[in-house]
Amino acid sequence: MEKRSATTLGGNQQLQRGLEQRHITLMSLGAAIGVGLFLGSATAIKLAGPAILISYVVGGLAILIIMRSLGEMAVHNPVAGSFSRYAKDYLGPLAGYITGWNYWFLWVVTCMAEITAVGVYMQMWYPNTPSWIWALAALVLMTLINLITVKAYGEFEFWFALIKIVAIIAMIIVGLGVIIFGVGNGGIAVGISNLWSNGGFAPNGVTGILMSLQMVMFAYLGVEMIGVTAGEAKNPKVVIPRAIDTVFWRILLFYVGALFVIMSIYPWNEIGENGSPFVLMFEKIGIGPAAGIINFVVLTAALSSCNSGIFSTGRMLFNLAEQKQASASFKKISKAGVPSKAIVFSAFLLLIGVILNYLVPEKVFIWVTSISTFGAVWTWGIILLSQLKFRKTLTNAEVSRLSYKALFYPVGSYLALGFLLLVLGLMAYFPETRIALIVGPIWIIGLVFNYYRKGFHKR
């Protein structure tokens, strides 16, 4: 019988350490390779054209710096709650409180995007059914999976993520066959001229590239989950560095490689927002059954990311309760070793996403993705600031003993912070995403108000 270790967080309350490296690697891939790539990429391509590839590379480099900064702290001190705990330790209790609740809010909103995507994908098979029904079904299913033991959850997420990763690799290989050898296109090689023959490589210039950054950064949302899993990882000092180093390059390969293939085969200006560009690509080259298979894959991708999101919200709410910054009832651990009440409460609030799908189905996706991006930018910024402060608490000898270090410290951290500020400025500039700069700050101000109203500052 397998021996399971646990992380003790107070009294008899325990989160089971049942996550292995393969679980954590695939979970973070599953969280990041979701609706942002399969559905959101259509919106981003429309803005930047083929130059979207530049956006993904630049955004990816910023994410790598952020993840290495998180990894440095997570390896040194692997705790449940991750960056909210680091924010509390190095930036103060208020920063920890805001960051924990903000990350919980971020994933609640992101899951709304994921279940919205489920409704969009199901329209391919059931065009006459309302999307909100499928959104509700997805929410119920993912909540039930999260209430099982963490190892069972990890297994579900492992296979969910594996399906879409194998599909993306297969799509890249088949796509290269179409581009080079004309596979499925009567033996006529498609080539890559579509990357520049429809208005140029950057048809909307630098403005288009900048406009796409919000959706690009939304696509990367989820990689920081590696830090959240630290409290439930077996041997985190080995697992976390490996997961961070492998996940980043795989995500960059999948995003850039997949979109390179799609835009080479399918003219970028014909990619609309009705469905996934992955499905459209296979329909374009006449492989009908494959389009159905890919639609199944992108459906599991959305479910996978939502699955990861409910996992994150439950753990963050549990951590806030442990720090007495949320109701003590959220500290309740089920017999399966999961924070059941925190999971159920988070899932209940996701019903707002179902309601939005019913009321404003055509607007809900851009709304929730932009609000999620604001929350992600806050989280990533806090990670960088916490790491900068963390380093200042160490002596030179302690720094030399760090087994896993941030990249290009401290210049890299400041460059990444500047990039995040640029993304926020762009979101404020463009009307479509401006709602995030209204909802996000109101939420932050509300958290600050509640922090002082509850007297947390006196503890």
Protein backbone atom coordinates (compact mmCIF):
# COMPACT_ATOMS: atom_id res chain seq x y z
CA MET A 1 0.00 0.00 0.00
CA GLU A 2 1.38 3.39 -0.99
CA LYS A 3 2.59 5.56 1.84
CA ARG A 4 1.32 9.13 1.58
CA SER A 5 3.04 12.03 3.29
CA ALA A 6 1.13 15.13 4.28
CA THR A 7 1.54 18.79 4.94
CA THR A 8 0.22 19.67 8.41
CA LEU A 9 -1.33 23.08 8.60
CA GLY A 10 -2.88 23.24 12.01
CA GLY A 11 -4.27 20.71 14.46
CA ASN A 12 -5.28 17.60 12.58
CA GLN A 13 -5.91 19.51 9.38
CA GLN A 14 -3.80 18.00 6.64
CA LEU A 15 -3.39 18.42 2.92
CA GLN A 16 -2.12 15.20 1.45
CA ARG A 17 1.26 15.31 -0.31
CA GLY A 18 0.03 13.12 -3.16
CA LEU A 19 1.32 15.07 -6.16
CA GLU A 20 4.32 13.74 -8.02
CA GLN A 21 6.42 15.57 -10.61
CA ARG A 22 4.42 14.24 -13.56
CA HIS A 23 1.22 15.50 -11.90
CA ILE A 24 2.63 18.97 -11.22
CA THR A 25 4.21 19.34 -14.67
CA LEU A 26 1.03 18.30 -16.45
CA MET A 27 -1.16 20.37 -14.08
CA SER A 28 0.72 23.57 -14.86
CA LEU A 29 0.68 22.73 -18.56
CA GLY A 30 -3.02 21.95 -18.26
CA ALA A 31 -3.72 25.28 -16.57
CA ALA A 32 -1.78 27.32 -19.14
CA ILE A 33 -2.67 25.44 -22.32
CA GLY A 34 -6.39 25.99 -22.25
CA VAL A 35 -8.90 28.42 -23.63
CA GLY A 36 -6.22 31.11 -24.09
CA LEU A 37 -4.60 29.04 -26.83
CA PHE A 38 -7.53 27.14 -28.30
CA LEU A 39 -10.10 29.94 -28.39
CA GLY A 40 -8.40 33.18 -27.26
CA SER A 41 -5.74 32.85 -29.96
CA ALA A 42 -8.42 33.61 -32.56
CA THR A 43 -8.95 37.04 -31.00
CA ALA A 44 -5.21 37.67 -30.67
CA ILE A 45 -4.52 36.67 -34.30
CA LYS A 46 -7.24 39.03 -35.47
CA LEU A 47 -5.44 41.90 -33.73
CA ALA A 48 -1.79 41.22 -34.62
CA GLY A 49 -1.89 38.87 -37.61
CA PRO A 50 1.10 36.52 -37.94
CA ALA A 51 3.12 38.92 -35.77
CA ILE A 52 1.26 37.36 -32.84
CA LEU A 53 4.24 34.99 -32.73
CA ILE A 54 6.39 37.92 -31.54
CA SER A 55 3.87 38.68 -28.79
CA TYR A 56 4.01 35.10 -27.50
CA VAL A 57 7.82 35.02 -27.47
CA VAL A 58 8.15 38.39 -25.65
CA GLY A 59 5.40 37.52 -23.17
CA GLY A 60 6.97 34.09 -22.66
CA LEU A 61 10.34 35.57 -21.73
CA ALA A 62 8.67 37.77 -19.10
CA ILE A 63 6.86 34.71 -17.72
CA LEU A 64 10.13 32.76 -17.53
CA ILE A 65 11.69 35.48 -15.35
CA ILE A 66 8.57 35.53 -13.14
CA MET A 67 8.54 31.74 -12.77
CA ARG A 68 12.21 31.53 -11.86
CA SER A 69 11.62 34.22 -9.22
CA LEU A 70 8.73 32.18 -7.79
CA GLY A 71 10.80 29.00 -7.99
CA GLU A 72 13.60 30.54 -5.96
CA MET A 73 11.22 31.21 -3.07
CA ALA A 74 9.20 27.98 -3.46
CA VAL A 75 12.30 25.77 -3.32
CA HIS A 76 13.67 27.70 -0.33
CA ASN A 77 10.32 27.57 1.51
CA PRO A 78 7.68 25.25 -0.04
CA VAL A 79 4.37 26.18 1.61
CA ALA A 80 0.69 25.92 0.80
CA GLY A 81 -0.57 29.28 -0.38
CA SER A 82 2.70 30.01 -2.15
CA PHE A 83 2.96 33.61 -3.31
CA SER A 84 0.27 34.94 -0.95
CA ARG A 85 2.39 33.58 1.92
CA TYR A 86 5.56 35.04 0.40
CA ALA A 87 3.80 38.39 -0.04
CA LYS A 88 2.80 38.31 3.63
CA ASP A 89 6.32 37.36 4.77
CA TYR A 90 8.28 39.83 2.63
CA LEU A 91 5.87 42.67 1.74
CA GLY A 92 3.58 42.68 4.78
CA PRO A 93 0.23 41.22 5.93
CA LEU A 94 -1.88 43.55 3.75
CA ALA A 95 -0.01 42.48 0.59
CA GLY A 96 -0.47 38.82 1.54
CA TYR A 97 -4.18 39.35 2.20
CA ILE A 98 -4.80 41.15 -1.11
CA THR A 99 -2.70 38.67 -3.11
CA GLY A 100 -4.41 35.60 -1.67
CA TRP A 101 -7.91 36.90 -2.23
CA ASN A 102 -6.95 38.36 -5.62
CA TYR A 103 -5.61 35.01 -6.85
CA TRP A 104 -8.75 33.30 -5.66
CA PHE A 105 -10.81 35.90 -7.56
CA LEU A 106 -8.58 35.56 -10.62
CA TRP A 107 -9.25 31.84 -10.93
CA VAL A 108 -12.95 32.18 -10.25
CA VAL A 109 -13.13 34.59 -13.21
CA THR A 110 -10.79 32.45 -15.33
CA CYS A 111 -12.96 29.40 -14.75
CA MET A 112 -15.86 31.47 -16.03
CA ALA A 113 -13.89 31.86 -19.27
CA GLU A 114 -13.22 28.12 -19.39
CA ILE A 115 -16.84 27.07 -18.90
CA THR A 116 -17.84 29.74 -21.45
CA ALA A 117 -15.48 28.06 -23.91
CA VAL A 118 -17.12 24.70 -23.19
CA GLY A 119 -20.42 26.21 -24.28
CA VAL A 120 -18.81 27.53 -27.50
CA TYR A 121 -17.20 24.19 -28.36
CA MET A 122 -20.39 22.20 -27.76
CA GLN A 123 -22.16 24.36 -30.36
CA MET A 124 -20.29 22.38 -33.04
CA TRP A 125 -22.17 19.23 -32.08
CA TYR A 126 -25.34 20.73 -30.62
CA PRO A 127 -25.84 24.07 -32.40
CA ASN A 128 -29.41 24.55 -31.19
CA THR A 129 -28.72 24.22 -27.47
CA PRO A 130 -28.01 27.26 -25.26
CA SER A 131 -24.38 27.55 -24.15
CA TRP A 132 -25.26 28.09 -20.49
CA ILE A 133 -26.46 24.49 -20.13
CA TRP A 134 -23.03 23.15 -21.12
CA ALA A 135 -21.30 25.70 -18.90
CA LEU A 136 -23.32 24.46 -15.92
CA ALA A 137 -22.62 20.80 -16.73
CA ALA A 138 -18.87 21.50 -16.94
CA LEU A 139 -18.93 23.31 -13.59
CA VAL A 140 -20.69 20.42 -11.80
CA LEU A 141 -18.35 17.79 -13.28
CA MET A 142 -15.14 19.65 -12.41
CA THR A 143 -16.32 20.35 -8.87
CA LEU A 144 -17.00 16.66 -8.25
CA ILE A 145 -13.52 15.71 -9.54
CA ASN A 146 -11.91 18.23 -7.17
CA LEU A 147 -13.67 16.68 -4.17
CA ILE A 148 -11.86 13.38 -4.71
CA THR A 149 -8.41 12.80 -3.12
CA VAL A 150 -5.65 15.07 -4.42
CA LYS A 151 -3.85 12.12 -6.01
CA ALA A 152 -7.02 11.13 -7.89
CA TYR A 153 -7.39 14.78 -8.93
CA GLY A 154 -3.77 14.76 -10.10
CA GLU A 155 -4.45 11.64 -12.18
CA PHE A 156 -7.53 13.20 -13.79
CA GLU A 157 -5.58 16.35 -14.59
CA PHE A 158 -2.59 14.34 -15.85
CA TRP A 159 -4.73 12.57 -18.45
CA PHE A 160 -6.78 15.68 -19.30
CA ALA A 161 -3.59 17.60 -20.01
CA LEU A 162 -1.92 14.68 -21.79
CA ILE A 163 -4.79 14.46 -24.30
CA LYS A 164 -4.37 18.05 -25.45
CA ILE A 165 -0.58 17.93 -25.44
CA VAL A 166 -0.51 14.82 -27.63
CA ALA A 167 -3.11 16.45 -29.90
CA ILE A 168 -1.07 19.65 -30.25
CA ILE A 169 2.08 17.70 -31.09
CA ALA A 170 0.14 15.62 -33.64
CA MET A 171 -1.36 18.78 -35.11
CA ILE A 172 2.07 20.38 -35.47
CA ILE A 173 3.44 17.26 -37.20
CA VAL A 174 0.43 16.94 -39.53
CA GLY A 175 0.54 20.69 -40.17
CA LEU A 176 4.19 20.51 -41.16
CA GLY A 177 3.23 17.65 -43.50
CA VAL A 178 0.65 19.91 -45.13
CA ILE A 179 3.08 22.83 -45.35
CA ILE A 180 6.03 20.85 -46.73
CA PHE A 181 4.51 17.88 -48.59
CA GLY A 182 0.90 18.90 -49.25
CA VAL A 183 -0.56 16.11 -47.11
CA GLY A 184 -4.36 16.28 -47.33
CA ASN A 185 -4.07 19.05 -49.93
CA GLY A 186 -3.75 16.97 -53.11
CA GLY A 187 0.02 16.76 -52.75
CA ILE A 188 0.36 20.51 -53.22
CA ALA A 189 2.66 21.97 -50.56
CA VAL A 190 0.96 24.90 -48.86
CA GLY A 191 4.22 26.56 -47.80
CA ILE A 192 4.35 29.43 -45.33
CA SER A 193 3.52 32.33 -47.64
CA ASN A 194 0.28 32.93 -45.70
CA LEU A 195 2.47 34.41 -42.97
CA TRP A 196 3.14 37.50 -45.10
CA SER A 197 0.88 37.42 -48.17
CA ASN A 198 -2.28 38.80 -46.53
CA GLY A 199 -1.24 42.32 -45.64
CA GLY A 200 2.24 41.47 -44.42
CA PHE A 201 3.67 39.72 -41.37
CA ALA A 202 2.49 42.57 -39.11
CA PRO A 203 -0.58 43.86 -40.98
CA ASN A 204 -1.66 46.11 -38.11
CA GLY A 205 1.86 47.22 -37.25
CA VAL A 206 3.20 47.67 -33.74
CA THR A 207 -0.26 48.74 -32.59
CA GLY A 208 -1.67 45.32 -33.44
CA ILE A 209 1.13 43.55 -31.56
CA LEU A 210 0.55 45.73 -28.50
CA MET A 211 -3.21 45.23 -28.66
CA SER A 212 -2.74 41.46 -28.63
CA LEU A 213 -0.64 41.41 -25.44
CA GLN A 214 -3.65 41.23 -23.11
CA MET A 215 -4.93 38.01 -24.70
CA VAL A 216 -1.38 36.64 -24.97
CA MET A 217 -0.74 37.16 -21.27
CA PHE A 218 -4.13 35.64 -20.45
CA ALA A 219 -2.96 32.56 -22.35
CA TYR A 220 0.05 32.24 -20.04
CA LEU A 221 -2.10 32.50 -16.93
CA GLY A 222 -1.77 29.30 -14.93
CA VAL A 223 1.95 28.60 -15.06
CA GLU A 224 2.32 30.08 -11.57
CA MET A 225 0.23 27.16 -10.29
CA ILE A 226 3.51 25.28 -9.85
CA GLY A 227 4.01 27.43 -6.75
CA VAL A 228 0.52 26.66 -5.43
CA THR A 229 1.24 22.92 -5.62
CA ALA A 230 4.39 23.23 -3.46
CA GLY A 231 2.45 22.41 -0.28
CA GLU A 232 1.21 19.13 -1.76
CA ALA A 233 4.29 18.07 -3.74
CA LYS A 234 6.45 15.10 -2.89
CA ASN A 235 10.08 16.28 -2.55
CA PRO A 236 9.36 19.90 -3.66
CA LYS A 237 13.04 20.88 -3.75
CA VAL A 238 13.52 18.51 -6.69
CA VAL A 239 10.08 18.59 -8.27
CA ILE A 240 9.51 22.38 -8.43
CA PRO A 241 12.72 23.34 -10.34
CA ARG A 242 12.23 20.54 -12.87
CA ALA A 243 8.60 21.49 -13.41
CA ILE A 244 9.40 25.19 -13.93
CA ASP A 245 12.29 24.56 -16.32
CA THR A 246 10.41 22.06 -18.49
CA VAL A 247 6.98 23.69 -18.46
CA PHE A 248 8.11 27.05 -19.82
CA TRP A 249 9.85 25.68 -22.91
CA ARG A 250 7.04 23.25 -23.64
CA ILE A 251 4.42 25.98 -23.44
CA LEU A 252 6.45 28.25 -25.72
CA LEU A 253 6.89 25.40 -28.21
CA PHE A 254 3.20 24.55 -28.16
CA TYR A 255 1.98 28.13 -28.51
CA VAL A 256 4.46 29.35 -31.10
CA GLY A 257 4.66 26.03 -32.97
CA ALA A 258 0.91 25.47 -33.12
CA LEU A 259 0.07 29.02 -34.21
CA PHE A 260 2.89 29.01 -36.77
CA VAL A 261 1.34 25.93 -38.38
CA ILE A 262 -2.22 27.27 -38.23
CA MET A 263 -1.38 30.66 -39.77
CA SER A 264 0.76 29.04 -42.47
CA ILE A 265 -2.13 26.82 -43.60
CA TYR A 266 -5.07 29.10 -42.85
CA PRO A 267 -4.94 32.82 -43.85
CA TRP A 268 -4.89 34.78 -40.60
CA ASN A 269 -7.58 37.22 -41.77
CA GLU A 270 -10.07 34.37 -42.25
CA ILE A 271 -9.76 33.20 -38.66
CA GLY A 272 -12.84 34.45 -36.85
CA GLU A 273 -14.08 34.06 -33.32
CA ASN A 274 -16.72 31.41 -34.06
CA GLY A 275 -15.04 28.32 -32.72
CA SER A 276 -11.42 27.36 -32.31
CA PRO A 277 -8.80 28.10 -35.01
CA PHE A 278 -7.55 24.55 -34.42
CA VAL A 279 -10.89 23.13 -35.59
CA LEU A 280 -11.08 25.62 -38.46
CA MET A 281 -7.67 24.51 -39.71
CA PHE A 282 -8.70 20.87 -40.10
CA GLU A 283 -11.99 21.88 -41.74
CA LYS A 284 -10.00 24.01 -44.18
CA ILE A 285 -7.90 21.09 -45.41
CA GLY A 286 -10.92 18.82 -45.68
CA ILE A 287 -10.28 16.43 -42.80
CA GLY A 288 -13.82 16.38 -41.40
CA PRO A 289 -13.50 13.66 -38.73
CA ALA A 290 -10.28 15.24 -37.47
CA ALA A 291 -12.16 18.48 -36.88
CA GLY A 292 -14.53 16.61 -34.57
CA ILE A 293 -11.59 15.00 -32.77
CA ILE A 294 -9.85 18.36 -32.33
CA ASN A 295 -13.09 19.84 -31.01
CA PHE A 296 -13.11 17.06 -28.40
CA VAL A 297 -9.50 17.90 -27.56
CA VAL A 298 -10.15 21.63 -27.10
CA LEU A 299 -13.19 20.71 -25.01
CA THR A 300 -11.04 18.62 -22.67
CA ALA A 301 -8.51 21.48 -22.66
CA ALA A 302 -11.14 23.88 -21.31
CA LEU A 303 -12.28 21.30 -18.74
CA SER A 304 -8.65 20.70 -17.75
CA SER A 305 -7.95 24.38 -17.15
CA CYS A 306 -11.19 24.78 -15.20
CA ASN A 307 -10.23 21.71 -13.17
CA SER A 308 -6.90 23.36 -12.30
CA GLY A 309 -8.68 26.62 -11.50
CA ILE A 310 -11.03 25.04 -8.98
CA PHE A 311 -8.00 23.32 -7.42
CA SER A 312 -6.25 26.71 -7.07
CA THR A 313 -9.24 28.57 -5.64
CA GLY A 314 -9.83 25.86 -3.05
CA ARG A 315 -6.20 25.85 -1.88
CA MET A 316 -5.92 29.63 -1.79
CA LEU A 317 -9.13 29.97 0.22
CA PHE A 318 -7.89 27.24 2.58
CA ASN A 319 -4.63 29.14 3.05
CA LEU A 320 -6.48 32.39 3.76
CA ALA A 321 -8.54 30.61 6.42
CA GLU A 322 -5.32 29.22 7.93
CA GLN A 323 -4.03 32.79 8.21
CA LYS A 324 -7.38 33.85 9.76
CA GLN A 325 -8.15 36.05 6.76
CA ALA A 326 -11.21 34.06 5.71
CA SER A 327 -13.93 32.11 7.52
CA ALA A 328 -12.54 29.32 9.71
CA SER A 329 -15.00 26.92 8.05
CA PHE A 330 -12.83 26.97 4.92
CA LYS A 331 -10.11 25.16 6.89
CA LYS A 332 -12.26 22.02 6.93
CA ILE A 333 -10.46 19.08 5.36
CA SER A 334 -12.54 16.17 4.10
CA LYS A 335 -11.70 12.52 4.77
CA ALA A 336 -10.16 12.50 1.29
CA GLY A 337 -7.65 15.14 2.40
CA VAL A 338 -8.99 18.05 0.30
CA PRO A 339 -10.36 21.45 1.45
CA SER A 340 -13.94 20.54 0.55
CA LYS A 341 -15.81 23.62 1.85
CA ALA A 342 -13.36 25.99 0.14
CA ILE A 343 -13.80 24.09 -3.14
CA VAL A 344 -17.60 24.04 -2.96
CA PHE A 345 -17.82 27.76 -2.09
CA SER A 346 -15.56 28.72 -5.00
CA ALA A 347 -17.54 26.52 -7.39
CA PHE A 348 -20.81 28.07 -6.17
CA LEU A 349 -19.59 31.54 -7.17
CA LEU A 350 -18.80 30.20 -10.64
CA LEU A 351 -22.54 30.11 -11.19
CA ILE A 352 -22.12 33.81 -12.01
CA GLY A 353 -20.32 32.66 -15.16
CA VAL A 354 -23.27 30.45 -16.05
CA ILE A 355 -25.62 33.43 -15.56
CA LEU A 356 -23.41 35.66 -17.76
CA ASN A 357 -23.52 32.98 -20.46
CA TYR A 358 -27.28 33.21 -20.28
CA LEU A 359 -27.49 37.03 -20.25
CA VAL A 360 -24.58 38.23 -22.48
CA PRO A 361 -23.10 35.21 -24.30
CA GLU A 362 -21.46 37.37 -26.97
CA LYS A 363 -19.55 39.59 -24.50
CA VAL A 364 -18.74 37.31 -21.57
CA PHE A 365 -15.50 35.90 -23.02
CA ILE A 366 -13.63 39.19 -23.60
CA TRP A 367 -14.91 40.55 -20.29
CA VAL A 368 -13.74 37.66 -18.15
CA THR A 369 -10.40 37.20 -19.95
CA SER A 370 -9.44 40.85 -19.50
CA ILE A 371 -10.45 40.83 -15.81
CA SER A 372 -8.45 37.61 -15.33
CA THR A 373 -5.43 39.21 -16.98
CA PHE A 374 -5.58 42.12 -14.53
CA GLY A 375 -5.59 39.65 -11.65
CA ALA A 376 -2.71 37.72 -13.20
CA VAL A 377 -0.62 40.87 -13.69
CA TRP A 378 -1.13 41.73 -10.00
CA THR A 379 -0.09 38.21 -8.96
CA TRP A 380 2.98 38.16 -11.20
CA GLY A 381 3.99 41.64 -10.04
CA ILE A 382 3.72 40.57 -6.39
CA ILE A 383 5.86 37.50 -7.10
CA LEU A 384 8.61 39.74 -8.53
CA LEU A 385 8.41 42.27 -5.68
CA SER A 386 8.40 39.49 -3.06
CA GLN A 387 11.49 37.89 -4.60
CA LEU A 388 13.33 41.22 -4.68
CA LYS A 389 12.57 41.72 -0.97
CA PHE A 390 13.33 38.06 -0.19
CA ARG A 391 16.85 38.42 -1.60
CA LYS A 392 17.49 41.44 0.63
CA THR A 393 16.77 39.30 3.71
CA LEU A 394 19.60 36.91 2.82
CA THR A 395 23.30 37.23 3.52
CA ASN A 396 25.80 36.67 0.71
CA ALA A 397 26.54 33.22 2.10
CA GLU A 398 22.82 32.33 2.10
CA VAL A 399 22.45 33.55 -1.49
CA SER A 400 25.34 31.35 -2.59
CA ARG A 401 23.62 28.34 -1.00
CA LEU A 402 20.34 28.85 -2.91
CA SER A 403 19.88 25.72 -5.01
CA TYR A 404 17.55 27.44 -7.50
CA LYS A 405 17.92 31.11 -8.42
CA ALA A 406 15.98 33.79 -10.29
CA LEU A 407 17.22 34.73 -13.77
CA PHE A 408 19.18 37.95 -14.37
CA TYR A 409 18.59 39.21 -10.82
CA PRO A 410 17.83 42.07 -10.24
CA VAL A 411 17.69 43.55 -13.78
CA GLY A 412 15.42 40.79 -15.09
CA SER A 413 12.91 41.37 -12.31
CA TYR A 414 12.70 45.11 -13.01
CA LEU A 415 12.35 44.53 -16.77
CA ALA A 416 9.52 42.06 -16.15
CA LEU A 417 7.80 44.53 -13.82
CA GLY A 418 8.04 47.20 -16.52
CA PHE A 419 6.52 44.81 -19.04
CA LEU A 420 3.58 44.08 -16.72
CA LEU A 421 2.95 47.82 -16.30
CA LEU A 422 2.94 48.13 -20.10
CA VAL A 423 0.25 45.43 -20.33
CA LEU A 424 -1.91 47.28 -17.78
CA GLY A 425 -1.46 50.54 -19.67
CA LEU A 426 -2.54 48.86 -22.91
CA MET A 427 -5.61 47.37 -21.25
CA ALA A 428 -6.59 50.86 -20.08
CA TYR A 429 -5.99 52.30 -23.56
CA PHE A 430 -8.16 49.91 -25.57
CA PRO A 431 -11.95 50.13 -24.97
CA GLU A 432 -12.54 46.36 -25.28
CA THR A 433 -10.39 45.57 -22.24
CA ARG A 434 -10.95 48.73 -20.21
CA ILE A 435 -13.56 46.99 -18.05
CA ALA A 436 -10.71 45.13 -16.34
CA LEU A 437 -9.25 48.44 -15.13
CA ILE A 438 -12.62 49.20 -13.56
CA VAL A 439 -13.53 45.86 -11.99
CA GLY A 440 -9.96 45.00 -10.91
CA PRO A 441 -9.16 48.16 -8.91
CA ILE A 442 -12.65 48.18 -7.36
CA TRP A 443 -12.00 44.63 -6.15
CA ILE A 444 -8.56 45.60 -4.74
CA ILE A 445 -9.99 48.69 -3.00
CA GLY A 446 -12.78 46.53 -1.56
CA LEU A 447 -10.19 44.11 -0.17
CA VAL A 448 -8.22 46.94 1.45
CA PHE A 449 -11.43 48.31 3.00
CA ASN A 450 -12.40 44.89 4.34
CA TYR A 451 -8.88 44.31 5.71
CA TYR A 452 -9.13 47.38 7.93
CA ARG A 453 -12.86 46.94 8.66
CA LYS A 454 -12.21 43.45 10.03
CA GLY A 455 -9.29 44.71 12.08
CA PHE A 456 -6.73 42.42 10.46
CA HIS A 457 -4.16 45.22 10.71
CA LYS A 458 -4.32 45.06 14.53
CA ARG A 459 -3.35 41.38 14.73
